[in-house]
């Protein structure tokens, strides 16, 4: 298998569909895969792709943002993930507290990798 071939092909297919949800997810998957392959991420490009999440995948935007923050070592994006989750929780009625608990658990899991990657 060619390195990155499957993800690149997926990204092209998702882009051809033109659905922002899939385009944004595809781009973020590419950034994450590139990092694993040793390619230094363009953090401005990643930030722009994270911007797409609010309109395209608002329910999952906080989770994606936190995962990307942890993998790429960007502490400010953890704040962004928390803000997104809080905005969602504020509109979730009786489910808001459950979302806040889920966020707290995920934050504990994200904070250590962010510090490790950012401290390189």
C-alpha atoms as a PDB file:
ATOM      1  CA  UNK A   1       0.000   0.000   0.000  1.00  0.00           C
ATOM      2  CA  UNK A   2       1.295   3.482  -0.866  1.00  0.00           C
ATOM      3  CA  UNK A   3       1.766   5.754   2.112  1.00  0.00           C
ATOM      4  CA  UNK A   4      -1.155   8.142   2.340  1.00  0.00           C
ATOM      5  CA  UNK A   5      -2.699   6.726  -0.850  1.00  0.00           C
ATOM      6  CA  UNK A   6      -5.887   5.556   0.772  1.00  0.00           C
ATOM      7  CA  UNK A   7      -6.440   8.812   2.652  1.00  0.00           C
ATOM      8  CA  UNK A   8      -5.601  10.921  -0.391  1.00  0.00           C
ATOM      9  CA  UNK A   9      -8.070   8.938  -2.482  1.00  0.00           C
ATOM     10  CA  UNK A  10     -10.712   9.244   0.197  1.00  0.00           C
ATOM     11  CA  UNK A  11     -10.163  12.991   0.365  1.00  0.00           C
ATOM     12  CA  UNK A  12     -10.609  13.313  -3.405  1.00  0.00           C
ATOM     13  CA  UNK A  13     -13.812  11.271  -3.307  1.00  0.00           C
ATOM     14  CA  UNK A  14     -15.204  13.254  -0.390  1.00  0.00           C
ATOM     15  CA  UNK A  15     -14.311  16.535  -2.095  1.00  0.00           C
ATOM     16  CA  UNK A  16     -16.093  15.399  -5.237  1.00  0.00           C
ATOM     17  CA  UNK A  17     -19.249  14.761  -3.240  1.00  0.00           C
ATOM     18  CA  UNK A  18     -19.057  18.356  -2.020  1.00  0.00           C
ATOM     19  CA  UNK A  19     -20.740  17.747   1.339  1.00  0.00           C
ATOM     20  CA  UNK A  20     -19.003  20.058   3.847  1.00  0.00           C
ATOM     21  CA  UNK A  21     -19.273  17.445   6.615  1.00  0.00           C
ATOM     22  CA  UNK A  22     -17.249  14.956   4.607  1.00  0.00           C
ATOM     23  CA  UNK A  23     -14.858  17.508   3.151  1.00  0.00           C
ATOM     24  CA  UNK A  24     -13.964  18.805   6.615  1.00  0.00           C
ATOM     25  CA  UNK A  25     -13.576  15.328   8.077  1.00  0.00           C
ATOM     26  CA  UNK A  26     -11.477  14.253   5.100  1.00  0.00           C
ATOM     27  CA  UNK A  27      -9.142  17.209   5.438  1.00  0.00           C
ATOM     28  CA  UNK A  28      -8.685  16.648   9.155  1.00  0.00           C
ATOM     29  CA  UNK A  29      -8.013  12.965   8.607  1.00  0.00           C
ATOM     30  CA  UNK A  30      -5.346  13.936   6.090  1.00  0.00           C
ATOM     31  CA  UNK A  31      -3.638  16.268   8.571  1.00  0.00           C
ATOM     32  CA  UNK A  32      -3.704  13.545  11.213  1.00  0.00           C
ATOM     33  CA  UNK A  33      -2.363  10.917   8.811  1.00  0.00           C
ATOM     34  CA  UNK A  34       0.383  13.246   7.614  1.00  0.00           C
ATOM     35  CA  UNK A  35       1.517  13.763  11.197  1.00  0.00           C
ATOM     36  CA  UNK A  36       1.735  10.008  11.720  1.00  0.00           C
ATOM     37  CA  UNK A  37       3.794   9.759   8.522  1.00  0.00           C
ATOM     38  CA  UNK A  38       6.187  12.411   9.805  1.00  0.00           C
ATOM     39  CA  UNK A  39       4.916  15.332   7.723  1.00  0.00           C
ATOM     40  CA  UNK A  40       4.910  18.553   9.740  1.00  0.00           C
ATOM     41  CA  UNK A  41       1.351  19.952   9.750  1.00  0.00           C
ATOM     42  CA  UNK A  42       0.509  23.406   8.455  1.00  0.00           C
ATOM     43  CA  UNK A  43      -1.267  24.608  11.597  1.00  0.00           C
ATOM     44  CA  UNK A  44      -2.945  27.491   9.755  1.00  0.00           C
ATOM     45  CA  UNK A  45      -4.478  25.022   7.289  1.00  0.00           C
ATOM     46  CA  UNK A  46      -5.586  22.764  10.148  1.00  0.00           C
ATOM     47  CA  UNK A  47      -7.138  25.753  11.950  1.00  0.00           C
ATOM     48  CA  UNK A  48      -9.030  26.697   8.781  1.00  0.00           C
ATOM     49  CA  UNK A  49     -10.315  23.145   8.487  1.00  0.00           C
ATOM     50  CA  UNK A  50     -11.371  23.192  12.135  1.00  0.00           C
ATOM     51  CA  UNK A  51     -13.372  26.344  11.305  1.00  0.00           C
ATOM     52  CA  UNK A  52     -15.447  24.267   8.875  1.00  0.00           C
ATOM     53  CA  UNK A  53     -16.647  22.029  11.691  1.00  0.00           C
ATOM     54  CA  UNK A  54     -19.047  24.476  13.317  1.00  0.00           C
ATOM     55  CA  UNK A  55     -21.354  24.586  10.335  1.00  0.00           C
ATOM     56  CA  UNK A  56     -20.731  21.102   9.015  1.00  0.00           C
ATOM     57  CA  UNK A  57     -20.570  18.882  12.096  1.00  0.00           C
ATOM     58  CA  UNK A  58     -21.622  20.998  15.049  1.00  0.00           C
ATOM     59  CA  UNK A  59     -22.509  18.033  17.279  1.00  0.00           C
ATOM     60  CA  UNK A  60     -19.100  16.382  16.867  1.00  0.00           C
ATOM     61  CA  UNK A  61     -17.014  19.548  16.405  1.00  0.00           C
ATOM     62  CA  UNK A  62     -15.833  19.637  20.006  1.00  0.00           C
ATOM     63  CA  UNK A  63     -14.629  16.029  19.910  1.00  0.00           C
ATOM     64  CA  UNK A  64     -12.824  16.394  16.579  1.00  0.00           C
ATOM     65  CA  UNK A  65     -11.192  19.614  17.770  1.00  0.00           C
ATOM     66  CA  UNK A  66      -9.959  18.001  20.979  1.00  0.00           C
ATOM     67  CA  UNK A  67      -8.613  14.946  19.171  1.00  0.00           C
ATOM     68  CA  UNK A  68      -6.739  17.129  16.681  1.00  0.00           C
ATOM     69  CA  UNK A  69      -5.428  19.349  19.502  1.00  0.00           C
ATOM     70  CA  UNK A  70      -4.087  16.301  21.344  1.00  0.00           C
ATOM     71  CA  UNK A  71      -2.471  14.799  18.274  1.00  0.00           C
ATOM     72  CA  UNK A  72      -0.884  18.009  17.015  1.00  0.00           C
ATOM     73  CA  UNK A  73      -0.066  19.515  20.416  1.00  0.00           C
ATOM     74  CA  UNK A  74      -1.999  22.792  20.237  1.00  0.00           C
ATOM     75  CA  UNK A  75      -3.269  23.822  23.695  1.00  0.00           C
ATOM     76  CA  UNK A  76      -5.440  26.662  22.333  1.00  0.00           C
ATOM     77  CA  UNK A  77      -7.478  24.121  20.411  1.00  0.00           C
ATOM     78  CA  UNK A  78      -8.369  22.383  23.678  1.00  0.00           C
ATOM     79  CA  UNK A  79      -9.933  25.672  24.786  1.00  0.00           C
ATOM     80  CA  UNK A  80     -11.758  25.772  21.467  1.00  0.00           C
ATOM     81  CA  UNK A  81     -13.027  22.205  22.006  1.00  0.00           C
ATOM     82  CA  UNK A  82     -14.293  23.157  25.466  1.00  0.00           C
ATOM     83  CA  UNK A  83     -16.048  26.245  24.113  1.00  0.00           C
ATOM     84  CA  UNK A  84     -17.740  24.183  21.416  1.00  0.00           C
ATOM     85  CA  UNK A  85     -18.867  21.559  23.917  1.00  0.00           C
ATOM     86  CA  UNK A  86     -20.184  24.196  26.315  1.00  0.00           C
ATOM     87  CA  UNK A  87     -22.145  25.879  23.517  1.00  0.00           C
ATOM     88  CA  UNK A  88     -23.641  22.512  22.604  1.00  0.00           C
ATOM     89  CA  UNK A  89     -24.366  21.667  26.261  1.00  0.00           C
ATOM     90  CA  UNK A  90     -26.084  25.013  26.801  1.00  0.00           C
ATOM     91  CA  UNK A  91     -28.552  24.065  24.065  1.00  0.00           C
ATOM     92  CA  UNK A  92     -28.923  20.393  25.046  1.00  0.00           C
ATOM     93  CA  UNK A  93     -31.528  20.833  27.761  1.00  0.00           C
ATOM     94  CA  UNK A  94     -31.460  17.960  30.254  1.00  0.00           C
ATOM     95  CA  UNK A  95     -28.578  16.318  28.355  1.00  0.00           C
ATOM     96  CA  UNK A  96     -26.242  19.262  28.897  1.00  0.00           C
ATOM     97  CA  UNK A  97     -24.813  17.972  32.161  1.00  0.00           C
ATOM     98  CA  UNK A  98     -24.010  14.614  30.566  1.00  0.00           C
ATOM     99  CA  UNK A  99     -22.159  16.376  27.780  1.00  0.00           C
ATOM    100  CA  UNK A 100     -20.219  18.434  30.309  1.00  0.00           C
ATOM    101  CA  UNK A 101     -19.193  15.225  32.118  1.00  0.00           C
ATOM    102  CA  UNK A 102     -18.118  13.682  28.806  1.00  0.00           C
ATOM    103  CA  UNK A 103     -16.086  16.786  28.019  1.00  0.00           C
ATOM    104  CA  UNK A 104     -14.369  16.703  31.422  1.00  0.00           C
ATOM    105  CA  UNK A 105     -13.386  13.064  30.893  1.00  0.00           C
ATOM    106  CA  UNK A 106     -12.091  13.725  27.374  1.00  0.00           C
ATOM    107  CA  UNK A 107     -10.166  16.808  28.513  1.00  0.00           C
ATOM    108  CA  UNK A 108      -8.295  14.698  31.063  1.00  0.00           C
ATOM    109  CA  UNK A 109      -7.337  12.361  28.249  1.00  0.00           C
ATOM    110  CA  UNK A 110      -6.351  15.170  25.855  1.00  0.00           C
ATOM    111  CA  UNK A 111      -4.322  17.377  28.198  1.00  0.00           C
ATOM    112  CA  UNK A 112      -1.374  15.024  28.695  1.00  0.00           C
ATOM    113  CA  UNK A 113      -0.759  14.363  24.983  1.00  0.00           C
ATOM    114  CA  UNK A 114      -1.096  18.072  24.203  1.00  0.00           C
ATOM    115  CA  UNK A 115       1.575  18.911  26.759  1.00  0.00           C
ATOM    116  CA  UNK A 116       3.841  16.119  25.509  1.00  0.00           C
ATOM    117  CA  UNK A 117       3.543  17.049  21.823  1.00  0.00           C
ATOM    118  CA  UNK A 118       3.687  20.802  22.456  1.00  0.00           C
ATOM    119  CA  UNK A 119       6.792  20.358  24.606  1.00  0.00           C
ATOM    120  CA  UNK A 120       8.854  18.775  21.816  1.00  0.00           C
END
